[in-house]
Amino acid sequence: MTNLGNKLVKIHSVSEDNISLTLEFADGFSSSVSLRHIFDAPQGLAAEVLKGQMFSKCYLESGPLAWPNGLEFCADSVRLWIETSE
């Protein structure tokens, strides 16, 4: 079971071609995560990210992964996506 309260502290790399990111968490855990499950058939804010070519403009906002248009993913969700895809 994953502990809640994860915090993202660094984005190491962004791959627009693979729709993936390499991220580091506050506990030192670092891994790549594919966001294809969100962006392959995007809706709402995710569709705006692709239309506006903003995928590489992601940033960290006090823990969550965010984009300039307001799309955010909490660090706990991102960590779960990583752990369940391994």
N, C-alpha and C. Protein backbone atom coordinates (compact mmCIF):
# COMPACT_ATOMS: atom_id res chain seq x y z
N MET A 1 0.84 -1.19 0.00
CA MET A 1 0.00 0.00 0.00
C MET A 1 0.88 1.25 0.00
N THR A 2 0.51 2.18 -0.80
CA THR A 2 1.26 3.41 -0.92
C THR A 2 0.94 4.36 0.24
N ASN A 3 1.97 4.98 0.79
CA ASN A 3 1.75 5.99 1.81
C ASN A 3 1.27 7.27 1.15
N LEU A 4 0.31 7.92 1.76
CA LEU A 4 -0.17 9.20 1.23
C LEU A 4 0.71 10.32 1.75
N GLY A 5 0.65 11.46 1.10
CA GLY A 5 1.44 12.61 1.52
C GLY A 5 2.72 12.75 0.73
N ASN A 6 2.79 12.12 -0.45
CA ASN A 6 3.97 12.27 -1.30
C ASN A 6 4.07 13.72 -1.79
N LYS A 7 5.28 14.14 -2.06
CA LYS A 7 5.49 15.48 -2.59
C LYS A 7 6.53 15.39 -3.70
N LEU A 8 6.21 15.97 -4.85
CA LEU A 8 7.16 16.05 -5.95
C LEU A 8 8.08 17.23 -5.70
N VAL A 9 9.38 17.03 -5.92
CA VAL A 9 10.34 18.12 -5.67
C VAL A 9 11.13 18.52 -6.91
N LYS A 10 11.14 17.66 -7.95
CA LYS A 10 11.93 18.01 -9.12
C LYS A 10 11.43 17.27 -10.36
N ILE A 11 11.43 17.98 -11.47
CA ILE A 11 11.19 17.36 -12.77
C ILE A 11 12.55 17.23 -13.43
N HIS A 12 13.00 15.99 -13.64
CA HIS A 12 14.32 15.76 -14.23
C HIS A 12 14.29 15.85 -15.76
N SER A 13 13.24 15.32 -16.39
CA SER A 13 13.15 15.39 -17.85
C SER A 13 11.71 15.26 -18.29
N VAL A 14 11.47 15.79 -19.49
CA VAL A 14 10.15 15.75 -20.10
C VAL A 14 10.31 15.22 -21.51
N SER A 15 9.51 14.26 -21.89
CA SER A 15 9.53 13.73 -23.26
C SER A 15 8.15 13.93 -23.89
N GLU A 16 8.07 14.91 -24.79
CA GLU A 16 6.81 15.15 -25.49
C GLU A 16 6.47 14.00 -26.43
N ASP A 17 7.48 13.38 -27.03
CA ASP A 17 7.24 12.27 -27.95
C ASP A 17 6.61 11.08 -27.25
N ASN A 18 7.10 10.77 -26.05
CA ASN A 18 6.60 9.62 -25.30
C ASN A 18 5.51 9.98 -24.30
N ILE A 19 5.17 11.27 -24.21
CA ILE A 19 4.21 11.76 -23.22
C ILE A 19 4.59 11.21 -21.83
N SER A 20 5.83 11.47 -21.45
CA SER A 20 6.32 10.97 -20.17
C SER A 20 7.21 12.00 -19.48
N LEU A 21 7.40 11.78 -18.20
CA LEU A 21 8.23 12.65 -17.36
C LEU A 21 9.10 11.81 -16.45
N THR A 22 10.25 12.31 -16.07
CA THR A 22 11.05 11.70 -15.02
C THR A 22 11.00 12.66 -13.85
N LEU A 23 10.53 12.15 -12.73
CA LEU A 23 10.25 12.98 -11.56
C LEU A 23 10.98 12.48 -10.32
N GLU A 24 11.19 13.38 -9.38
CA GLU A 24 11.79 13.02 -8.09
C GLU A 24 10.84 13.44 -6.97
N PHE A 25 10.67 12.56 -6.01
CA PHE A 25 9.81 12.82 -4.87
C PHE A 25 10.66 13.22 -3.66
N ALA A 26 10.02 13.82 -2.67
CA ALA A 26 10.72 14.31 -1.48
C ALA A 26 11.46 13.21 -0.73
N ASP A 27 10.98 11.96 -0.83
CA ASP A 27 11.65 10.87 -0.12
C ASP A 27 12.85 10.31 -0.90
N GLY A 28 13.20 10.94 -2.03
CA GLY A 28 14.36 10.54 -2.82
C GLY A 28 14.03 9.59 -3.95
N PHE A 29 12.82 9.05 -3.97
CA PHE A 29 12.39 8.15 -5.04
C PHE A 29 12.32 8.93 -6.36
N SER A 30 12.91 8.37 -7.41
CA SER A 30 12.92 9.02 -8.72
C SER A 30 12.56 7.97 -9.77
N SER A 31 11.69 8.34 -10.71
CA SER A 31 11.28 7.40 -11.74
C SER A 31 10.60 8.14 -12.88
N SER A 32 10.47 7.45 -14.00
CA SER A 32 9.73 7.98 -15.14
C SER A 32 8.28 7.52 -15.04
N VAL A 33 7.39 8.35 -15.55
CA VAL A 33 5.97 8.00 -15.59
C VAL A 33 5.40 8.39 -16.94
N SER A 34 4.69 7.46 -17.54
CA SER A 34 3.99 7.73 -18.78
C SER A 34 2.61 8.30 -18.44
N LEU A 35 2.23 9.35 -19.14
CA LEU A 35 0.91 9.95 -18.96
C LEU A 35 0.02 9.69 -20.17
N ARG A 36 0.37 8.67 -20.94
CA ARG A 36 -0.43 8.30 -22.12
C ARG A 36 -1.88 8.01 -21.78
N HIS A 37 -2.12 7.40 -20.61
CA HIS A 37 -3.49 7.08 -20.23
C HIS A 37 -4.35 8.34 -20.07
N ILE A 38 -3.73 9.47 -19.90
CA ILE A 38 -4.45 10.75 -19.82
C ILE A 38 -4.49 11.44 -21.18
N PHE A 39 -3.35 11.43 -21.88
CA PHE A 39 -3.21 12.25 -23.09
C PHE A 39 -3.47 11.52 -24.41
N ASP A 40 -3.68 10.21 -24.41
CA ASP A 40 -4.01 9.52 -25.66
C ASP A 40 -5.41 9.86 -26.16
N ALA A 41 -6.33 10.05 -25.26
CA ALA A 41 -7.71 10.46 -25.61
C ALA A 41 -8.09 11.61 -24.67
N PRO A 42 -7.41 12.73 -24.82
CA PRO A 42 -7.56 13.81 -23.84
C PRO A 42 -8.93 14.49 -23.90
N GLN A 43 -9.35 14.93 -22.74
CA GLN A 43 -10.58 15.72 -22.62
C GLN A 43 -10.30 16.90 -21.72
N GLY A 44 -11.11 17.92 -21.83
CA GLY A 44 -11.01 19.08 -20.94
C GLY A 44 -9.63 19.72 -20.94
N LEU A 45 -9.09 19.93 -19.74
CA LEU A 45 -7.80 20.61 -19.60
C LEU A 45 -6.67 19.83 -20.24
N ALA A 46 -6.72 18.50 -20.23
CA ALA A 46 -5.66 17.70 -20.87
C ALA A 46 -5.64 17.96 -22.37
N ALA A 47 -6.81 18.09 -22.99
CA ALA A 47 -6.87 18.40 -24.42
C ALA A 47 -6.28 19.77 -24.70
N GLU A 48 -6.54 20.72 -23.82
CA GLU A 48 -5.97 22.07 -23.97
C GLU A 48 -4.45 22.05 -23.92
N VAL A 49 -3.90 21.21 -23.05
CA VAL A 49 -2.44 21.10 -22.93
C VAL A 49 -1.85 20.68 -24.28
N LEU A 50 -2.43 19.69 -24.91
CA LEU A 50 -1.92 19.22 -26.20
C LEU A 50 -2.17 20.22 -27.31
N LYS A 51 -3.38 20.80 -27.37
CA LYS A 51 -3.70 21.78 -28.42
C LYS A 51 -2.78 23.00 -28.33
N GLY A 52 -2.49 23.41 -27.11
CA GLY A 52 -1.64 24.57 -26.89
C GLY A 52 -0.16 24.25 -26.85
N GLN A 53 0.20 23.01 -27.15
CA GLN A 53 1.59 22.56 -27.12
C GLN A 53 2.27 22.94 -25.81
N MET A 54 1.57 22.63 -24.70
CA MET A 54 2.05 22.99 -23.36
C MET A 54 2.62 21.82 -22.58
N PHE A 55 2.68 20.61 -23.15
CA PHE A 55 3.10 19.46 -22.34
C PHE A 55 4.46 19.72 -21.69
N SER A 56 5.39 20.27 -22.42
CA SER A 56 6.74 20.49 -21.87
C SER A 56 6.80 21.68 -20.90
N LYS A 57 5.70 22.39 -20.73
CA LYS A 57 5.68 23.54 -19.82
C LYS A 57 5.19 23.17 -18.42
N CYS A 58 5.22 21.87 -18.11
CA CYS A 58 4.78 21.44 -16.78
C CYS A 58 5.74 21.98 -15.72
N TYR A 59 5.23 22.11 -14.52
CA TYR A 59 6.02 22.61 -13.40
C TYR A 59 5.45 22.03 -12.11
N LEU A 60 6.14 22.25 -11.02
CA LEU A 60 5.68 21.78 -9.72
C LEU A 60 5.12 22.96 -8.94
N GLU A 61 3.93 22.75 -8.38
CA GLU A 61 3.29 23.81 -7.61
C GLU A 61 3.02 23.31 -6.19
N SER A 62 3.98 23.50 -5.30
CA SER A 62 3.86 23.06 -3.90
C SER A 62 3.52 21.58 -3.78
N GLY A 63 4.06 20.76 -4.66
CA GLY A 63 3.84 19.32 -4.61
C GLY A 63 3.16 18.75 -5.83
N PRO A 64 2.01 19.28 -6.26
CA PRO A 64 1.35 18.72 -7.45
C PRO A 64 2.11 19.05 -8.74
N LEU A 65 1.91 18.18 -9.72
CA LEU A 65 2.40 18.39 -11.08
C LEU A 65 1.36 19.25 -11.78
N ALA A 66 1.78 20.36 -12.40
CA ALA A 66 0.82 21.32 -12.94
C ALA A 66 1.23 21.82 -14.32
N TRP A 67 0.25 22.36 -15.04
CA TRP A 67 0.46 23.01 -16.33
C TRP A 67 -0.15 24.40 -16.28
N PRO A 68 0.31 25.31 -17.15
CA PRO A 68 -0.15 26.70 -17.10
C PRO A 68 -1.66 26.89 -17.24
N ASN A 69 -2.38 25.94 -17.84
CA ASN A 69 -3.82 26.11 -18.03
C ASN A 69 -4.64 25.65 -16.82
N GLY A 70 -3.98 25.19 -15.74
CA GLY A 70 -4.68 24.79 -14.54
C GLY A 70 -4.80 23.28 -14.33
N LEU A 71 -4.36 22.48 -15.29
CA LEU A 71 -4.37 21.02 -15.11
C LEU A 71 -3.36 20.66 -14.03
N GLU A 72 -3.78 19.86 -13.07
CA GLU A 72 -2.90 19.42 -11.99
C GLU A 72 -3.15 17.96 -11.67
N PHE A 73 -2.08 17.27 -11.27
CA PHE A 73 -2.17 15.91 -10.77
C PHE A 73 -1.47 15.88 -9.42
N CYS A 74 -2.15 15.38 -8.40
CA CYS A 74 -1.52 15.33 -7.08
C CYS A 74 -0.38 14.31 -7.10
N ALA A 75 0.60 14.55 -6.26
CA ALA A 75 1.78 13.70 -6.21
C ALA A 75 1.44 12.26 -5.84
N ASP A 76 0.44 12.06 -4.99
CA ASP A 76 0.04 10.71 -4.62
C ASP A 76 -0.46 9.93 -5.83
N SER A 77 -1.23 10.58 -6.69
CA SER A 77 -1.73 9.92 -7.91
C SER A 77 -0.59 9.57 -8.85
N VAL A 78 0.32 10.50 -9.02
CA VAL A 78 1.46 10.27 -9.91
C VAL A 78 2.30 9.11 -9.38
N ARG A 79 2.54 9.07 -8.09
CA ARG A 79 3.32 7.98 -7.48
C ARG A 79 2.61 6.64 -7.69
N LEU A 80 1.30 6.62 -7.53
CA LEU A 80 0.53 5.39 -7.74
C LEU A 80 0.63 4.93 -9.18
N TRP A 81 0.55 5.86 -10.14
CA TRP A 81 0.69 5.49 -11.56
C TRP A 81 2.06 4.85 -11.81
N ILE A 82 3.11 5.40 -11.19
CA ILE A 82 4.45 4.84 -11.35
C ILE A 82 4.51 3.43 -10.76
N GLU A 83 4.05 3.29 -9.55
CA GLU A 83 4.17 2.01 -8.84
C GLU A 83 3.32 0.91 -9.47
N THR A 84 2.20 1.25 -10.06
CA THR A 84 1.35 0.22 -10.67
C THR A 84 1.78 -0.11 -12.09
N SER A 85 2.64 0.70 -12.69
CA SER A 85 3.09 0.42 -14.04
C SER A 85 4.40 -0.36 -14.05
N GLU A 86 5.05 -0.49 -12.92
CA GLU A 86 6.34 -1.19 -12.85
C GLU A 86 6.16 -2.69 -12.83
